[in-house]
Every structure is written in structure tokens, then in C-alpha cells.
């Protein structure tokens, strides 16, 4: 089944389709907006369909979502190169492979500028691409691709584009010079 309405309406429809469901797993983390005070089990807020929200990853950081760690037999922490979501073959939205790190509405979601990279084409033209979401490390950078009152995409100046070619990834300009795909198909 696919629910294509906004989240609240989709939850309502889902619970009508499956009235025995009393709890739903959600991926909220403490670093998410409004996540700081949540526990592992919280009822929905007033005005939402009634169910228990189950937060199995509430204490995880962004990088934990994508990375698997385990203790080896020698009790040393070993970083497994494969990613958690991908290692377990958990289906996820293909936009994460295209540089999106926080998905919202089709009008306020953009690729994360921290993941932007540029290269020079054979014709001397600057070309842009984005690394996948699982390469992002810092929690506070996850929502840099979402428009807020503080963040509005803009076209980088010529100087910023030139600086980007020699600067490390953290100092690159905003991604707005790239036309995002039409998100309405996702």
C-alpha cells in the first residue's frame, strides 16, 4: 500500500485500513526538531491520529543511521565499511543517494550543500554533483538542504564558484545553482 497524502492524513488513512495497529515505528532522533524531549515511547500529539509512537533510534546520531559498528572478539570497536541501512537491505528513498539528507515538502527540500562537489568538464565548464547522504557525518548539517527562515538557497557568486574548486567540502557555496529534480514523483 502507498499513502501519498500529507503525513497526518496518511496516518489517519493507514489506521482506518488497519484499526488493530496501536503503535507505529518512527525514525525521530533527539537531534530532530522537537525530538529533544521524546522518549522511546510517546503518544501522538493533540490533533493527530491516536497511536503510540515508537522511537527505536531516538538516541542515534545521523551517522549512526548509515554506519554499522560492532565489537570484535578482541573487544575493539570495528567500523564495518558497509552502511547500516544498506547492510540490512532496508529499502530507503533514492533521493538519499542523490545528495538529499532531510526530506520534507517538494518546495522546501534541496540537496545538502555540504555534499556538493564540482569538477571541470573537458570544455572548461564547472559541473556539479552530490555525494550520497551516508557520507554526511555531522548532525547539525543534516538539514542544510531544507529551506527555513534562516536558510534560503541562492546562486553562488563567480568568486565562490572559483573558490569551491580549491576549497575543502565544508566551505563550498550553496547548491542553488543546480536545478533540483522534480520531487513530486517521489
N, C-alpha and C. Protein backbone atom coordinates (compact mmCIF):
# COMPACT_ATOMS: atom_id res chain seq x y z
N UNK A 1 0.84 -1.19 0.00
CA UNK A 1 0.00 0.00 0.00
C UNK A 1 0.88 1.24 0.00
N UNK A 2 0.42 2.25 -0.68
CA UNK A 2 1.12 3.53 -0.70
C UNK A 2 0.16 4.61 -0.22
N UNK A 3 0.67 5.46 0.64
CA UNK A 3 -0.11 6.60 1.15
C UNK A 3 0.59 7.85 0.65
N UNK A 4 -0.10 8.61 -0.17
CA UNK A 4 0.52 9.75 -0.84
C UNK A 4 0.04 11.09 -0.31
N UNK A 5 -0.75 11.07 0.72
CA UNK A 5 -1.24 12.33 1.31
C UNK A 5 -0.21 12.87 2.28
N UNK A 6 -0.41 14.08 2.79
CA UNK A 6 0.47 14.58 3.85
C UNK A 6 0.46 13.60 5.04
N UNK A 7 1.48 13.70 5.88
CA UNK A 7 1.70 12.71 6.93
C UNK A 7 0.48 12.47 7.83
N UNK A 8 -0.12 13.53 8.33
CA UNK A 8 -1.25 13.36 9.24
C UNK A 8 -2.41 12.62 8.56
N UNK A 9 -2.73 13.01 7.35
CA UNK A 9 -3.81 12.36 6.61
C UNK A 9 -3.45 10.91 6.27
N UNK A 10 -2.19 10.66 5.97
CA UNK A 10 -1.75 9.29 5.67
C UNK A 10 -1.84 8.40 6.89
N UNK A 11 -1.44 8.92 8.07
CA UNK A 11 -1.58 8.15 9.29
C UNK A 11 -3.06 7.84 9.56
N UNK A 12 -3.93 8.82 9.36
CA UNK A 12 -5.36 8.62 9.57
C UNK A 12 -5.87 7.51 8.65
N UNK A 13 -5.52 7.59 7.38
CA UNK A 13 -5.97 6.59 6.42
C UNK A 13 -5.39 5.20 6.76
N UNK A 14 -4.12 5.17 7.12
CA UNK A 14 -3.48 3.90 7.48
C UNK A 14 -4.19 3.25 8.67
N UNK A 15 -4.50 4.04 9.69
CA UNK A 15 -5.16 3.49 10.88
C UNK A 15 -6.60 3.08 10.59
N UNK A 16 -7.23 3.70 9.61
CA UNK A 16 -8.55 3.25 9.17
C UNK A 16 -8.44 1.91 8.45
N UNK A 17 -7.38 1.75 7.66
CA UNK A 17 -7.15 0.49 6.94
C UNK A 17 -6.73 -0.63 7.88
N UNK A 18 -6.03 -0.28 8.96
CA UNK A 18 -5.51 -1.27 9.91
C UNK A 18 -5.88 -0.85 11.34
N UNK A 19 -7.13 -0.98 11.73
CA UNK A 19 -7.59 -0.47 13.02
C UNK A 19 -6.97 -1.16 14.24
N UNK A 20 -6.38 -2.33 14.09
CA UNK A 20 -5.75 -3.01 15.22
C UNK A 20 -4.37 -2.45 15.56
N UNK A 21 -3.80 -1.64 14.68
CA UNK A 21 -2.48 -1.06 14.93
C UNK A 21 -2.59 -0.04 16.06
N UNK A 22 -1.75 -0.21 17.07
CA UNK A 22 -1.75 0.70 18.22
C UNK A 22 -0.44 1.47 18.35
N UNK A 23 0.59 1.02 17.64
CA UNK A 23 1.89 1.67 17.69
C UNK A 23 2.54 1.66 16.32
N UNK A 24 3.32 2.72 16.03
CA UNK A 24 3.99 2.85 14.74
C UNK A 24 5.44 3.26 15.00
N UNK A 25 6.38 2.54 14.37
CA UNK A 25 7.79 2.88 14.47
C UNK A 25 8.04 4.14 13.64
N UNK A 26 8.74 5.10 14.23
CA UNK A 26 9.11 6.32 13.52
C UNK A 26 10.61 6.54 13.70
N UNK A 27 11.21 7.29 12.82
CA UNK A 27 12.65 7.48 12.83
C UNK A 27 13.12 8.76 13.47
N UNK A 28 12.36 9.31 14.38
CA UNK A 28 12.74 10.56 15.04
C UNK A 28 13.94 10.35 15.94
N UNK A 29 14.86 11.32 15.93
CA UNK A 29 16.04 11.30 16.80
C UNK A 29 16.05 12.56 17.65
N UNK A 30 16.80 12.56 18.72
CA UNK A 30 16.86 13.73 19.61
C UNK A 30 17.34 14.99 18.88
N UNK A 31 18.15 14.82 17.87
CA UNK A 31 18.67 15.97 17.13
C UNK A 31 17.67 16.51 16.11
N UNK A 32 16.54 15.82 15.94
CA UNK A 32 15.49 16.30 15.04
C UNK A 32 14.71 17.42 15.71
N UNK A 33 14.09 18.31 14.92
CA UNK A 33 13.23 19.33 15.53
C UNK A 33 12.17 18.66 16.41
N UNK A 34 11.99 19.14 17.58
CA UNK A 34 11.00 18.65 18.55
C UNK A 34 11.33 17.26 19.08
N UNK A 35 12.55 16.77 18.87
CA UNK A 35 12.91 15.44 19.32
C UNK A 35 13.60 15.39 20.68
N UNK A 36 14.06 16.52 21.18
CA UNK A 36 14.87 16.53 22.40
C UNK A 36 14.16 15.95 23.61
N UNK A 37 12.87 16.16 23.74
CA UNK A 37 12.14 15.72 24.93
C UNK A 37 11.43 14.38 24.76
N UNK A 38 11.56 13.76 23.60
CA UNK A 38 10.87 12.49 23.36
C UNK A 38 11.53 11.34 24.11
N UNK A 39 10.76 10.31 24.36
CA UNK A 39 11.27 9.08 24.95
C UNK A 39 11.19 7.99 23.89
N UNK A 40 11.44 6.75 24.28
CA UNK A 40 11.33 5.66 23.30
C UNK A 40 9.88 5.38 22.92
N UNK A 41 8.94 5.74 23.78
CA UNK A 41 7.51 5.54 23.53
C UNK A 41 6.76 6.81 23.90
N UNK A 42 6.07 7.41 22.94
CA UNK A 42 5.30 8.63 23.18
C UNK A 42 3.98 8.56 22.43
N UNK A 43 2.87 8.91 23.08
CA UNK A 43 1.61 9.01 22.33
C UNK A 43 1.70 10.19 21.36
N UNK A 44 0.89 10.14 20.33
CA UNK A 44 0.88 11.26 19.38
C UNK A 44 0.39 12.53 20.05
N UNK A 45 0.74 13.66 19.46
CA UNK A 45 0.34 14.96 19.98
C UNK A 45 -1.14 15.22 19.71
N UNK A 46 -1.70 16.18 20.43
CA UNK A 46 -3.09 16.58 20.25
C UNK A 46 -3.33 16.97 18.78
N UNK A 47 -4.45 16.51 18.24
CA UNK A 47 -4.80 16.84 16.86
C UNK A 47 -4.30 15.82 15.84
N UNK A 48 -3.55 14.84 16.29
CA UNK A 48 -3.05 13.78 15.41
C UNK A 48 -3.83 12.50 15.66
N UNK A 49 -3.85 11.59 14.70
CA UNK A 49 -4.50 10.29 14.96
C UNK A 49 -3.83 9.64 16.17
N UNK A 50 -4.62 8.92 16.95
CA UNK A 50 -4.10 8.36 18.20
C UNK A 50 -3.39 7.03 17.97
N UNK A 51 -2.09 6.99 18.33
CA UNK A 51 -1.31 5.77 18.35
C UNK A 51 -0.05 6.05 19.16
N UNK A 52 0.65 5.00 19.54
CA UNK A 52 1.91 5.13 20.27
C UNK A 52 3.03 5.26 19.24
N UNK A 53 3.81 6.34 19.36
CA UNK A 53 4.99 6.50 18.51
C UNK A 53 6.15 5.75 19.16
N UNK A 54 6.77 4.86 18.42
CA UNK A 54 7.89 4.07 18.93
C UNK A 54 9.15 4.61 18.25
N UNK A 55 10.10 5.05 19.07
CA UNK A 55 11.32 5.71 18.58
C UNK A 55 12.54 4.83 18.82
N UNK A 56 12.78 3.82 17.98
CA UNK A 56 13.92 2.93 18.23
C UNK A 56 15.29 3.58 18.03
N UNK A 57 15.36 4.67 17.29
CA UNK A 57 16.65 5.31 17.03
C UNK A 57 16.74 6.69 17.68
N UNK A 58 15.96 6.93 18.72
CA UNK A 58 15.89 8.26 19.35
C UNK A 58 17.26 8.76 19.80
N UNK A 59 18.14 7.88 20.27
CA UNK A 59 19.44 8.30 20.77
C UNK A 59 20.57 8.15 19.76
N UNK A 60 20.23 7.84 18.53
CA UNK A 60 21.24 7.71 17.48
C UNK A 60 21.58 9.09 16.92
N UNK A 61 22.76 9.21 16.34
CA UNK A 61 23.17 10.40 15.61
C UNK A 61 23.01 10.12 14.12
N UNK A 62 23.08 11.15 13.31
CA UNK A 62 22.88 10.99 11.87
C UNK A 62 23.78 9.91 11.29
N UNK A 63 25.05 9.96 11.62
CA UNK A 63 26.00 9.00 11.06
C UNK A 63 25.65 7.57 11.48
N UNK A 64 25.03 7.38 12.66
CA UNK A 64 24.66 6.05 13.13
C UNK A 64 23.60 5.40 12.23
N UNK A 65 22.77 6.20 11.62
CA UNK A 65 21.72 5.67 10.75
C UNK A 65 22.34 4.92 9.58
N UNK A 66 23.44 5.42 9.08
CA UNK A 66 24.06 4.85 7.90
C UNK A 66 25.21 3.89 8.21
N UNK A 67 25.81 3.97 9.38
CA UNK A 67 27.01 3.20 9.69
C UNK A 67 26.73 2.09 10.68
N UNK A 68 27.34 0.96 10.49
CA UNK A 68 27.24 -0.17 11.42
C UNK A 68 28.53 -0.26 12.21
N UNK A 69 28.43 -0.37 13.51
CA UNK A 69 29.59 -0.60 14.35
C UNK A 69 29.34 -1.87 15.14
N UNK A 70 30.40 -2.57 15.49
CA UNK A 70 30.22 -3.76 16.33
C UNK A 70 31.50 -4.01 17.11
N UNK A 71 31.37 -4.76 18.19
CA UNK A 71 32.54 -5.16 18.96
C UNK A 71 33.11 -6.43 18.35
N UNK A 72 34.41 -6.45 18.14
CA UNK A 72 35.06 -7.65 17.64
C UNK A 72 35.32 -8.58 18.81
N UNK A 73 35.81 -9.78 18.52
CA UNK A 73 36.10 -10.74 19.59
C UNK A 73 37.17 -10.21 20.53
N UNK A 74 38.03 -9.31 20.06
CA UNK A 74 39.06 -8.73 20.92
C UNK A 74 38.54 -7.49 21.64
N UNK A 75 37.25 -7.27 21.57
CA UNK A 75 36.57 -6.14 22.23
C UNK A 75 37.04 -4.78 21.74
N UNK A 76 37.55 -4.71 20.51
CA UNK A 76 37.88 -3.43 19.91
C UNK A 76 36.71 -3.02 19.03
N UNK A 77 36.44 -1.74 18.98
CA UNK A 77 35.35 -1.27 18.12
C UNK A 77 35.81 -1.31 16.67
N UNK A 78 35.08 -2.03 15.86
CA UNK A 78 35.41 -2.16 14.45
C UNK A 78 34.34 -1.46 13.64
N UNK A 79 34.75 -0.59 12.74
CA UNK A 79 33.81 0.08 11.85
C UNK A 79 33.64 -0.78 10.61
N UNK A 80 32.45 -1.24 10.40
CA UNK A 80 32.17 -2.04 9.22
C UNK A 80 31.91 -1.08 8.07
N UNK A 81 32.57 -1.29 6.97
CA UNK A 81 32.51 -0.35 5.86
C UNK A 81 31.10 -0.23 5.30
N UNK A 82 30.37 -1.31 5.27
CA UNK A 82 29.01 -1.22 4.74
C UNK A 82 28.13 -0.42 5.68
N UNK A 83 27.13 0.21 5.15
CA UNK A 83 26.25 1.06 5.92
C UNK A 83 25.10 0.26 6.52
N UNK A 84 24.61 0.70 7.69
CA UNK A 84 23.55 0.03 8.43
C UNK A 84 22.33 -0.23 7.55
N UNK A 85 21.77 0.81 6.99
CA UNK A 85 20.56 0.66 6.18
C UNK A 85 20.83 -0.23 4.97
N UNK A 86 21.91 0.02 4.31
CA UNK A 86 22.24 -0.75 3.12
C UNK A 86 22.68 -2.16 3.48
N UNK A 87 23.41 -2.31 4.57
CA UNK A 87 23.87 -3.63 5.01
C UNK A 87 22.70 -4.56 5.31
N UNK A 88 21.64 -4.02 5.89
CA UNK A 88 20.47 -4.82 6.23
C UNK A 88 19.43 -4.86 5.11
N UNK A 89 19.77 -4.25 3.96
CA UNK A 89 18.85 -4.20 2.81
C UNK A 89 17.51 -3.57 3.16
N UNK A 90 17.55 -2.54 3.98
CA UNK A 90 16.33 -1.81 4.33
C UNK A 90 16.02 -0.85 3.18
N UNK A 91 14.85 -0.93 2.59
CA UNK A 91 14.52 0.00 1.50
C UNK A 91 14.52 1.45 2.00
N UNK A 92 15.02 2.35 1.18
CA UNK A 92 15.01 3.77 1.52
C UNK A 92 14.83 4.58 0.24
N UNK A 93 14.44 5.82 0.40
CA UNK A 93 14.17 6.70 -0.72
C UNK A 93 15.45 6.96 -1.52
N UNK A 94 15.37 6.83 -2.84
CA UNK A 94 16.52 7.01 -3.73
C UNK A 94 17.10 8.42 -3.68
N UNK A 95 16.35 9.39 -3.17
CA UNK A 95 16.87 10.76 -3.07
C UNK A 95 18.08 10.84 -2.16
N UNK A 96 18.19 9.93 -1.18
CA UNK A 96 19.35 9.94 -0.29
C UNK A 96 20.63 9.63 -1.06
N UNK A 97 20.54 8.89 -2.14
CA UNK A 97 21.72 8.61 -2.96
C UNK A 97 22.09 9.79 -3.85
N UNK A 98 21.22 10.79 -3.92
CA UNK A 98 21.43 11.94 -4.80
C UNK A 98 21.78 13.21 -4.05
N UNK A 99 22.14 13.09 -2.76
CA UNK A 99 22.60 14.25 -2.00
C UNK A 99 21.58 14.88 -1.08
N UNK A 100 20.39 14.30 -0.98
CA UNK A 100 19.38 14.81 -0.04
C UNK A 100 19.61 14.13 1.31
N UNK A 101 19.56 14.90 2.40
CA UNK A 101 19.80 14.33 3.73
C UNK A 101 18.62 14.52 4.67
N UNK A 102 17.68 15.35 4.32
CA UNK A 102 16.49 15.59 5.13
C UNK A 102 15.35 15.87 4.16
N UNK A 103 14.35 15.00 4.16
CA UNK A 103 13.26 15.14 3.20
C UNK A 103 12.05 15.79 3.84
N UNK A 104 11.53 16.78 3.17
CA UNK A 104 10.33 17.47 3.63
C UNK A 104 9.38 17.61 2.47
N UNK A 105 8.87 18.81 2.27
CA UNK A 105 7.96 19.07 1.17
C UNK A 105 8.71 19.24 -0.14
N UNK A 106 7.97 19.17 -1.24
CA UNK A 106 8.60 19.31 -2.56
C UNK A 106 9.10 20.72 -2.81
N UNK A 107 8.64 21.70 -2.04
CA UNK A 107 9.07 23.08 -2.25
C UNK A 107 10.17 23.54 -1.31
N UNK A 108 10.48 22.77 -0.26
CA UNK A 108 11.48 23.23 0.70
C UNK A 108 12.62 22.24 0.89
N UNK A 109 12.72 21.24 0.04
CA UNK A 109 13.75 20.22 0.16
C UNK A 109 14.72 20.35 -1.01
N UNK A 110 16.00 20.45 -0.68
CA UNK A 110 17.06 20.58 -1.68
C UNK A 110 18.19 19.64 -1.31
N UNK A 111 19.09 19.44 -2.22
CA UNK A 111 20.28 18.65 -1.91
C UNK A 111 21.10 19.40 -0.85
N UNK A 112 21.81 18.65 -0.04
CA UNK A 112 22.60 19.24 1.03
C UNK A 112 23.87 19.86 0.45
N UNK A 113 24.08 21.15 0.68
CA UNK A 113 25.26 21.82 0.09
C UNK A 113 26.59 21.27 0.61
N UNK A 114 26.61 20.66 1.78
CA UNK A 114 27.85 20.07 2.30
C UNK A 114 28.30 18.90 1.43
N UNK A 115 27.36 18.25 0.77
CA UNK A 115 27.68 17.09 -0.06
C UNK A 115 27.97 17.46 -1.52
N UNK A 116 27.94 18.74 -1.81
CA UNK A 116 28.16 19.19 -3.19
C UNK A 116 29.64 19.08 -3.57
N UNK A 117 29.88 18.63 -4.78
CA UNK A 117 31.24 18.60 -5.29
C UNK A 117 31.21 19.13 -6.73
N UNK A 118 32.32 19.64 -7.15
CA UNK A 118 32.39 20.18 -8.51
C UNK A 118 33.58 19.59 -9.23
N UNK A 119 33.50 19.62 -10.53
CA UNK A 119 34.61 19.18 -11.37
C UNK A 119 34.60 20.03 -12.64
N UNK A 120 35.71 20.04 -13.31
CA UNK A 120 35.83 20.82 -14.54
C UNK A 120 35.61 19.86 -15.72
N UNK A 121 34.68 20.21 -16.60
CA UNK A 121 34.43 19.39 -17.79
C UNK A 121 35.56 19.59 -18.79
N UNK A 122 35.61 18.75 -19.79
CA UNK A 122 36.65 18.87 -20.81
C UNK A 122 36.54 20.19 -21.58
N UNK A 123 35.34 20.79 -21.56
CA UNK A 123 35.14 22.07 -22.24
C UNK A 123 35.46 23.26 -21.34
N UNK A 124 35.90 22.97 -20.10
CA UNK A 124 36.25 24.05 -19.17
C UNK A 124 35.09 24.56 -18.35
N UNK A 125 33.95 23.92 -18.45
CA UNK A 125 32.75 24.31 -17.70
C UNK A 125 32.70 23.58 -16.36
N UNK A 126 32.31 24.28 -15.31
CA UNK A 126 32.18 23.65 -14.00
C UNK A 126 30.92 22.81 -13.96
N UNK A 127 31.06 21.57 -13.54
CA UNK A 127 29.93 20.66 -13.40
C UNK A 127 29.79 20.30 -11.93
N UNK A 128 28.53 20.16 -11.49
CA UNK A 128 28.26 19.87 -10.09
C UNK A 128 27.59 18.51 -9.94
N UNK A 129 27.90 17.85 -8.85
CA UNK A 129 27.24 16.62 -8.48
C UNK A 129 27.20 16.56 -6.95
N UNK A 130 26.53 15.56 -6.41
CA UNK A 130 26.41 15.45 -4.96
C UNK A 130 26.77 14.05 -4.51
N UNK A 131 27.46 13.99 -3.39
CA UNK A 131 27.76 12.71 -2.76
C UNK A 131 26.49 12.20 -2.08
N UNK A 132 26.39 10.90 -1.80
CA UNK A 132 25.20 10.35 -1.15
C UNK A 132 25.10 10.76 0.32
N UNK A 133 23.89 10.70 0.86
CA UNK A 133 23.61 11.13 2.24
C UNK A 133 24.46 10.39 3.26
N UNK A 134 24.79 9.14 3.01
CA UNK A 134 25.53 8.39 4.01
C UNK A 134 26.97 8.88 4.18
N UNK A 135 27.41 9.84 3.37
CA UNK A 135 28.73 10.42 3.56
C UNK A 135 28.71 11.62 4.51
N UNK A 136 27.53 12.08 4.89
CA UNK A 136 27.42 13.18 5.86
C UNK A 136 27.72 12.65 7.26
N UNK A 137 28.41 13.43 8.07
CA UNK A 137 28.81 12.97 9.39
C UNK A 137 28.17 13.80 10.51
N UNK A 138 28.13 15.10 10.37
CA UNK A 138 27.71 15.98 11.46
C UNK A 138 26.19 16.12 11.55
N UNK A 139 25.62 15.87 12.75
CA UNK A 139 24.18 16.01 12.97
C UNK A 139 23.66 17.38 12.54
N UNK A 140 24.40 18.43 12.93
CA UNK A 140 23.91 19.79 12.68
C UNK A 140 23.91 20.17 11.20
N UNK A 141 24.48 19.35 10.34
CA UNK A 141 24.49 19.64 8.91
C UNK A 141 23.36 18.92 8.15
N UNK A 142 22.64 18.05 8.83
CA UNK A 142 21.61 17.23 8.17
C UNK A 142 20.56 18.07 7.46
N UNK A 143 20.12 19.15 8.05
CA UNK A 143 19.02 19.94 7.49
C UNK A 143 19.47 21.15 6.68
N UNK A 144 20.71 21.18 6.26
CA UNK A 144 21.19 22.31 5.45
C UNK A 144 20.56 22.34 4.06
N UNK A 145 19.92 21.25 3.66
CA UNK A 145 19.23 21.22 2.38
C UNK A 145 17.76 21.56 2.48
N UNK A 146 17.32 21.99 3.65
CA UNK A 146 15.91 22.36 3.84
C UNK A 146 15.81 23.87 3.97
N UNK A 147 14.85 24.45 3.28
CA UNK A 147 14.63 25.88 3.39
C UNK A 147 13.96 26.19 4.72
N UNK A 148 14.50 27.15 5.41
CA UNK A 148 13.90 27.66 6.64
C UNK A 148 13.96 29.17 6.57
N UNK A 149 13.49 29.82 7.61
CA UNK A 149 13.57 31.28 7.65
C UNK A 149 15.03 31.73 7.63
N UNK A 150 15.93 30.90 8.18
CA UNK A 150 17.34 31.26 8.23
C UNK A 150 18.10 30.86 6.97
N UNK A 151 17.55 29.93 6.19
CA UNK A 151 18.27 29.39 5.04
C UNK A 151 17.43 29.54 3.78
N UNK A 152 17.96 30.27 2.84
CA UNK A 152 17.30 30.42 1.55
C UNK A 152 18.34 30.21 0.46
N UNK A 153 18.15 29.21 -0.41
CA UNK A 153 19.13 28.96 -1.46
C UNK A 153 19.36 30.20 -2.30
N UNK A 154 20.59 30.38 -2.73
CA UNK A 154 20.96 31.49 -3.60
C UNK A 154 21.99 31.00 -4.58
N UNK A 155 22.18 31.72 -5.65
CA UNK A 155 23.19 31.38 -6.63
C UNK A 155 24.54 31.89 -6.15
N UNK A 156 25.57 31.02 -6.14
CA UNK A 156 26.88 31.47 -5.68
C UNK A 156 27.47 32.50 -6.63
N UNK A 157 28.29 33.38 -6.07
CA UNK A 157 28.96 34.38 -6.89
C UNK A 157 30.06 33.69 -7.69
N UNK A 158 30.60 34.38 -8.70
CA UNK A 158 31.67 33.80 -9.51
C UNK A 158 32.89 33.48 -8.64
N UNK A 159 33.18 34.36 -7.69
CA UNK A 159 34.31 34.14 -6.78
C UNK A 159 34.10 32.90 -5.93
N UNK A 160 32.87 32.66 -5.46
CA UNK A 160 32.59 31.47 -4.66
C UNK A 160 32.74 30.21 -5.49
N UNK A 161 32.29 30.26 -6.75
CA UNK A 161 32.42 29.09 -7.62
C UNK A 161 33.89 28.79 -7.84
N UNK A 162 34.72 29.80 -8.08
CA UNK A 162 36.15 29.58 -8.28
C UNK A 162 36.78 29.05 -6.98
N UNK A 163 36.41 29.62 -5.84
CA UNK A 163 36.96 29.17 -4.56
C UNK A 163 36.58 27.74 -4.28
N UNK A 164 35.42 27.34 -4.71
CA UNK A 164 34.92 25.99 -4.47
C UNK A 164 35.83 24.95 -5.12
N UNK A 165 36.44 25.30 -6.21
CA UNK A 165 37.27 24.34 -6.93
C UNK A 165 38.52 23.95 -6.15
N UNK A 166 38.96 24.81 -5.22
CA UNK A 166 40.16 24.52 -4.45
C UNK A 166 39.88 24.37 -2.96
N UNK A 167 38.67 24.67 -2.52
CA UNK A 167 38.35 24.65 -1.10
C UNK A 167 37.89 23.26 -0.66
N UNK A 168 38.09 22.94 0.63
CA UNK A 168 37.56 21.66 1.14
C UNK A 168 36.04 21.68 1.13
N UNK A 169 35.38 20.51 1.16
CA UNK A 169 33.92 20.41 1.03
C UNK A 169 33.14 21.28 2.01
N UNK A 170 33.58 21.49 3.23
CA UNK A 170 32.83 22.24 4.23
C UNK A 170 32.66 23.71 3.88
N UNK A 171 33.51 24.24 2.98
CA UNK A 171 33.45 25.67 2.69
C UNK A 171 32.86 25.97 1.31
N UNK A 172 32.17 25.02 0.73
CA UNK A 172 31.61 25.26 -0.60
C UNK A 172 30.35 26.10 -0.53
N UNK A 173 30.02 26.81 -1.60
CA UNK A 173 28.81 27.63 -1.61
C UNK A 173 27.54 26.78 -1.72
N UNK A 174 26.44 27.45 -1.60
CA UNK A 174 25.13 26.81 -1.65
C UNK A 174 24.88 26.10 -2.97
N UNK A 175 23.99 25.12 -2.96
CA UNK A 175 23.73 24.30 -4.14
C UNK A 175 22.70 24.89 -5.09
N UNK A 176 22.22 26.08 -4.87
CA UNK A 176 21.09 26.56 -5.64
C UNK A 176 21.39 26.78 -7.12
N UNK A 177 22.66 26.80 -7.51
CA UNK A 177 22.98 26.94 -8.92
C UNK A 177 22.58 25.69 -9.70
N UNK A 178 22.32 24.62 -8.98
CA UNK A 178 21.91 23.38 -9.60
C UNK A 178 20.38 23.30 -9.53
N UNK A 179 19.78 22.97 -10.62
CA UNK A 179 18.32 22.84 -10.62
C UNK A 179 17.98 21.47 -10.06
N UNK A 180 17.28 21.44 -8.94
CA UNK A 180 16.88 20.17 -8.33
C UNK A 180 15.89 19.46 -9.23
N UNK A 181 15.88 18.14 -9.08
CA UNK A 181 14.91 17.35 -9.81
C UNK A 181 13.51 17.68 -9.33
N UNK A 182 12.56 17.34 -10.11
CA UNK A 182 11.16 17.49 -9.69
C UNK A 182 10.89 16.43 -8.64
N UNK A 183 10.66 16.85 -7.40
CA UNK A 183 10.45 15.91 -6.29
C UNK A 183 9.04 15.34 -6.25
N UNK A 184 8.16 15.82 -7.07
CA UNK A 184 6.77 15.39 -6.97
C UNK A 184 6.59 13.92 -7.35
N UNK A 185 7.58 13.33 -8.02
CA UNK A 185 7.44 11.92 -8.40
C UNK A 185 7.87 10.97 -7.29
N UNK A 186 8.37 11.51 -6.19
CA UNK A 186 8.82 10.64 -5.09
C UNK A 186 7.82 10.58 -3.99
